[in-house]
Amino acid sequence: MKKTSVRNGRTLKAFGLILSLGAMPLLLGLTGCTTGSRYEQSTGERIDDHGTSSRVRAALAEDTQYKYDAVSVVTFKGTVQLSGFVNSRDQKNRAGELTRKVVAVKEVVNNITVKESAN
């Protein structure tokens, strides 16, 4: 009888070891997706930033005063960068103001260029 219980104990230990080693890649894979660094986004940050960019584009498109067809919106960790071309300084400033009011925008980098008028 004693040999059977020793064998069962070893079998359970071996099974537990195999099970824990098999689960390790799964656990490491899940935690690897959530960490970001200063220069890289985590999966969650990438999803959040995509939503923020979409909301900024929608806010610019809904503006009745100006058209922002040539403005690009990129978001990284809550910082929104605007780039492209507009016709006036007022239009550039308005784009920055609209962007600052959007949910989840932490900072705005307004790199929009004002087209020079040919006089």
C-alpha atoms as a PDB file:
ATOM      1  CA  MET A   1       0.000   0.000   0.000  1.00  0.00           C
ATOM      2  CA  LYS A   2       2.777   2.418   0.845  1.00  0.00           C
ATOM      3  CA  LYS A   3       4.372   2.178  -2.627  1.00  0.00           C
ATOM      4  CA  THR A   4       1.084   3.195  -4.274  1.00  0.00           C
ATOM      5  CA  SER A   5       0.694   6.390  -2.218  1.00  0.00           C
ATOM      6  CA  VAL A   6       4.348   7.352  -2.860  1.00  0.00           C
ATOM      7  CA  ARG A   7       3.823   6.778  -6.572  1.00  0.00           C
ATOM      8  CA  ASN A   8       0.611   8.849  -6.519  1.00  0.00           C
ATOM      9  CA  GLY A   9       2.419  11.649  -4.673  1.00  0.00           C
ATOM     10  CA  ARG A  10       5.214  11.724  -7.268  1.00  0.00           C
ATOM     11  CA  THR A  11       2.677  11.624 -10.086  1.00  0.00           C
ATOM     12  CA  LEU A  12       0.810  14.592  -8.628  1.00  0.00           C
ATOM     13  CA  LYS A  13       4.037  16.571  -8.199  1.00  0.00           C
ATOM     14  CA  ALA A  14       5.076  15.814 -11.778  1.00  0.00           C
ATOM     15  CA  PHE A  15       1.626  16.755 -13.060  1.00  0.00           C
ATOM     16  CA  GLY A  16       1.731  20.030 -11.082  1.00  0.00           C
ATOM     17  CA  LEU A  17       5.172  20.857 -12.479  1.00  0.00           C
ATOM     18  CA  ILE A  18       4.055  20.171 -16.049  1.00  0.00           C
ATOM     19  CA  LEU A  19       0.910  22.229 -15.559  1.00  0.00           C
ATOM     20  CA  SER A  20       2.756  25.228 -14.111  1.00  0.00           C
ATOM     21  CA  LEU A  21       5.445  25.143 -16.816  1.00  0.00           C
ATOM     22  CA  GLY A  22       2.744  24.931 -19.481  1.00  0.00           C
ATOM     23  CA  ALA A  23       0.923  27.959 -18.058  1.00  0.00           C
ATOM     24  CA  MET A  24       4.055  30.125 -17.861  1.00  0.00           C
ATOM     25  CA  PRO A  25       4.145  31.207 -21.543  1.00  0.00           C
ATOM     26  CA  LEU A  26       0.490  32.186 -21.305  1.00  0.00           C
ATOM     27  CA  LEU A  27       1.083  34.310 -18.214  1.00  0.00           C
ATOM     28  CA  LEU A  28       4.207  35.921 -19.667  1.00  0.00           C
ATOM     29  CA  GLY A  29       2.393  36.629 -22.916  1.00  0.00           C
ATOM     30  CA  LEU A  30      -0.449  38.414 -21.154  1.00  0.00           C
ATOM     31  CA  THR A  31       1.769  40.546 -18.944  1.00  0.00           C
ATOM     32  CA  GLY A  32       4.095  41.380 -21.833  1.00  0.00           C
ATOM     33  CA  CYS A  33       1.257  43.139 -23.653  1.00  0.00           C
ATOM     34  CA  THR A  34       0.430  45.520 -20.852  1.00  0.00           C
ATOM     35  CA  THR A  35       3.748  47.206 -20.262  1.00  0.00           C
ATOM     36  CA  GLY A  36       4.795  50.285 -22.130  1.00  0.00           C
ATOM     37  CA  SER A  37       7.838  52.440 -21.822  1.00  0.00           C
ATOM     38  CA  ARG A  38       8.628  56.046 -22.451  1.00  0.00           C
ATOM     39  CA  TYR A  39       9.011  55.404 -26.180  1.00  0.00           C
ATOM     40  CA  GLU A  40       6.579  52.509 -26.673  1.00  0.00           C
ATOM     41  CA  GLN A  41       2.855  52.196 -26.098  1.00  0.00           C
ATOM     42  CA  SER A  42       1.213  49.312 -24.351  1.00  0.00           C
ATOM     43  CA  THR A  43      -1.750  47.714 -26.091  1.00  0.00           C
ATOM     44  CA  GLY A  44      -4.174  49.591 -23.834  1.00  0.00           C
ATOM     45  CA  GLU A  45      -2.458  52.925 -24.490  1.00  0.00           C
ATOM     46  CA  ARG A  46      -2.540  52.293 -28.238  1.00  0.00           C
ATOM     47  CA  ILE A  47      -6.287  51.622 -28.081  1.00  0.00           C
ATOM     48  CA  ASP A  48      -6.902  54.708 -25.916  1.00  0.00           C
ATOM     49  CA  ASP A  49      -4.796  56.912 -28.201  1.00  0.00           C
ATOM     50  CA  HIS A  50      -6.616  55.662 -31.283  1.00  0.00           C
ATOM     51  CA  GLY A  51      -9.925  56.653 -29.664  1.00  0.00           C
ATOM     52  CA  THR A  52      -8.528  60.060 -28.716  1.00  0.00           C
ATOM     53  CA  SER A  53      -7.331  60.695 -32.283  1.00  0.00           C
ATOM     54  CA  SER A  54     -10.772  59.728 -33.600  1.00  0.00           C
ATOM     55  CA  ARG A  55     -12.495  62.137 -31.191  1.00  0.00           C
ATOM     56  CA  VAL A  56     -10.122  64.966 -32.177  1.00  0.00           C
ATOM     57  CA  ARG A  57     -10.754  64.342 -35.892  1.00  0.00           C
ATOM     58  CA  ALA A  58     -14.505  64.381 -35.221  1.00  0.00           C
ATOM     59  CA  ALA A  59     -14.236  67.660 -33.262  1.00  0.00           C
ATOM     60  CA  LEU A  60     -12.286  69.270 -36.106  1.00  0.00           C
ATOM     61  CA  ALA A  61     -14.756  67.955 -38.701  1.00  0.00           C
ATOM     62  CA  GLU A  62     -17.746  69.326 -36.739  1.00  0.00           C
ATOM     63  CA  ASP A  63     -16.322  72.858 -36.590  1.00  0.00           C
ATOM     64  CA  THR A  64     -18.619  75.156 -38.567  1.00  0.00           C
ATOM     65  CA  GLN A  65     -16.099  77.991 -38.764  1.00  0.00           C
ATOM     66  CA  TYR A  66     -13.212  76.278 -40.585  1.00  0.00           C
ATOM     67  CA  LYS A  67     -12.356  73.203 -42.645  1.00  0.00           C
ATOM     68  CA  TYR A  68      -9.442  71.028 -41.516  1.00  0.00           C
ATOM     69  CA  ASP A  69      -9.057  68.732 -44.521  1.00  0.00           C
ATOM     70  CA  ALA A  70      -5.251  69.068 -44.637  1.00  0.00           C
ATOM     71  CA  VAL A  71      -4.650  68.524 -40.899  1.00  0.00           C
ATOM     72  CA  SER A  72      -3.223  65.251 -39.587  1.00  0.00           C
ATOM     73  CA  VAL A  73      -3.859  64.033 -36.023  1.00  0.00           C
ATOM     74  CA  VAL A  74      -1.484  61.657 -34.208  1.00  0.00           C
ATOM     75  CA  THR A  75      -1.770  60.729 -30.517  1.00  0.00           C
ATOM     76  CA  PHE A  76       0.935  59.163 -28.340  1.00  0.00           C
ATOM     77  CA  LYS A  77       0.261  58.555 -24.641  1.00  0.00           C
ATOM     78  CA  GLY A  78      -2.398  61.273 -24.529  1.00  0.00           C
ATOM     79  CA  THR A  79      -0.302  63.908 -26.325  1.00  0.00           C
ATOM     80  CA  VAL A  80      -1.958  64.960 -29.573  1.00  0.00           C
ATOM     81  CA  GLN A  81       0.178  66.281 -32.404  1.00  0.00           C
ATOM     82  CA  LEU A  82      -1.507  68.330 -35.092  1.00  0.00           C
ATOM     83  CA  SER A  83       0.287  68.824 -38.390  1.00  0.00           C
ATOM     84  CA  GLY A  84      -0.578  69.900 -41.895  1.00  0.00           C
ATOM     85  CA  PHE A  85      -1.650  73.174 -43.480  1.00  0.00           C
ATOM     86  CA  VAL A  86      -4.303  75.818 -42.860  1.00  0.00           C
ATOM     87  CA  ASN A  87      -5.032  79.198 -44.404  1.00  0.00           C
ATOM     88  CA  SER A  88      -4.786  81.472 -41.345  1.00  0.00           C
ATOM     89  CA  ARG A  89      -3.289  81.803 -37.874  1.00  0.00           C
ATOM     90  CA  ASP A  90      -6.853  81.949 -36.452  1.00  0.00           C
ATOM     91  CA  GLN A  91      -7.590  78.585 -38.038  1.00  0.00           C
ATOM     92  CA  LYS A  92      -4.415  77.088 -36.495  1.00  0.00           C
ATOM     93  CA  ASN A  93      -5.274  78.479 -33.052  1.00  0.00           C
ATOM     94  CA  ARG A  94      -8.873  77.270 -33.313  1.00  0.00           C
ATOM     95  CA  ALA A  95      -7.677  73.728 -34.123  1.00  0.00           C
ATOM     96  CA  GLY A  96      -5.543  73.761 -30.973  1.00  0.00           C
ATOM     97  CA  GLU A  97      -8.437  75.029 -28.837  1.00  0.00           C
ATOM     98  CA  LEU A  98     -10.835  72.398 -30.176  1.00  0.00           C
ATOM     99  CA  THR A  99      -8.264  69.670 -29.550  1.00  0.00           C
ATOM    100  CA  ARG A 100      -7.625  70.745 -25.933  1.00  0.00           C
ATOM    101  CA  LYS A 101     -11.352  70.360 -25.166  1.00  0.00           C
ATOM    102  CA  VAL A 102     -11.468  66.709 -26.285  1.00  0.00           C
ATOM    103  CA  VAL A 103     -11.691  64.046 -23.557  1.00  0.00           C
ATOM    104  CA  ALA A 104      -8.388  62.292 -22.681  1.00  0.00           C
ATOM    105  CA  VAL A 105      -6.155  64.906 -24.346  1.00  0.00           C
ATOM    106  CA  LYS A 106      -3.280  65.586 -21.946  1.00  0.00           C
ATOM    107  CA  GLU A 107      -1.250  67.915 -24.149  1.00  0.00           C
ATOM    108  CA  VAL A 108      -1.445  69.447 -27.622  1.00  0.00           C
ATOM    109  CA  VAL A 109       1.544  69.945 -29.907  1.00  0.00           C
ATOM    110  CA  ASN A 110       0.301  72.258 -32.640  1.00  0.00           C
ATOM    111  CA  ASN A 111       2.671  71.877 -35.602  1.00  0.00           C
ATOM    112  CA  ILE A 112       0.157  73.139 -38.143  1.00  0.00           C
ATOM    113  CA  THR A 113       1.716  75.374 -40.778  1.00  0.00           C
ATOM    114  CA  VAL A 114      -0.067  78.506 -41.949  1.00  0.00           C
ATOM    115  CA  LYS A 115       0.051  78.851 -45.748  1.00  0.00           C
ATOM    116  CA  GLU A 116       1.597  82.066 -46.942  1.00  0.00           C
ATOM    117  CA  SER A 117      -0.710  84.237 -48.961  1.00  0.00           C
ATOM    118  CA  ALA A 118       0.567  85.265 -52.397  1.00  0.00           C
ATOM    119  CA  ASN A 119       0.221  89.031 -52.553  1.00  0.00           C
END
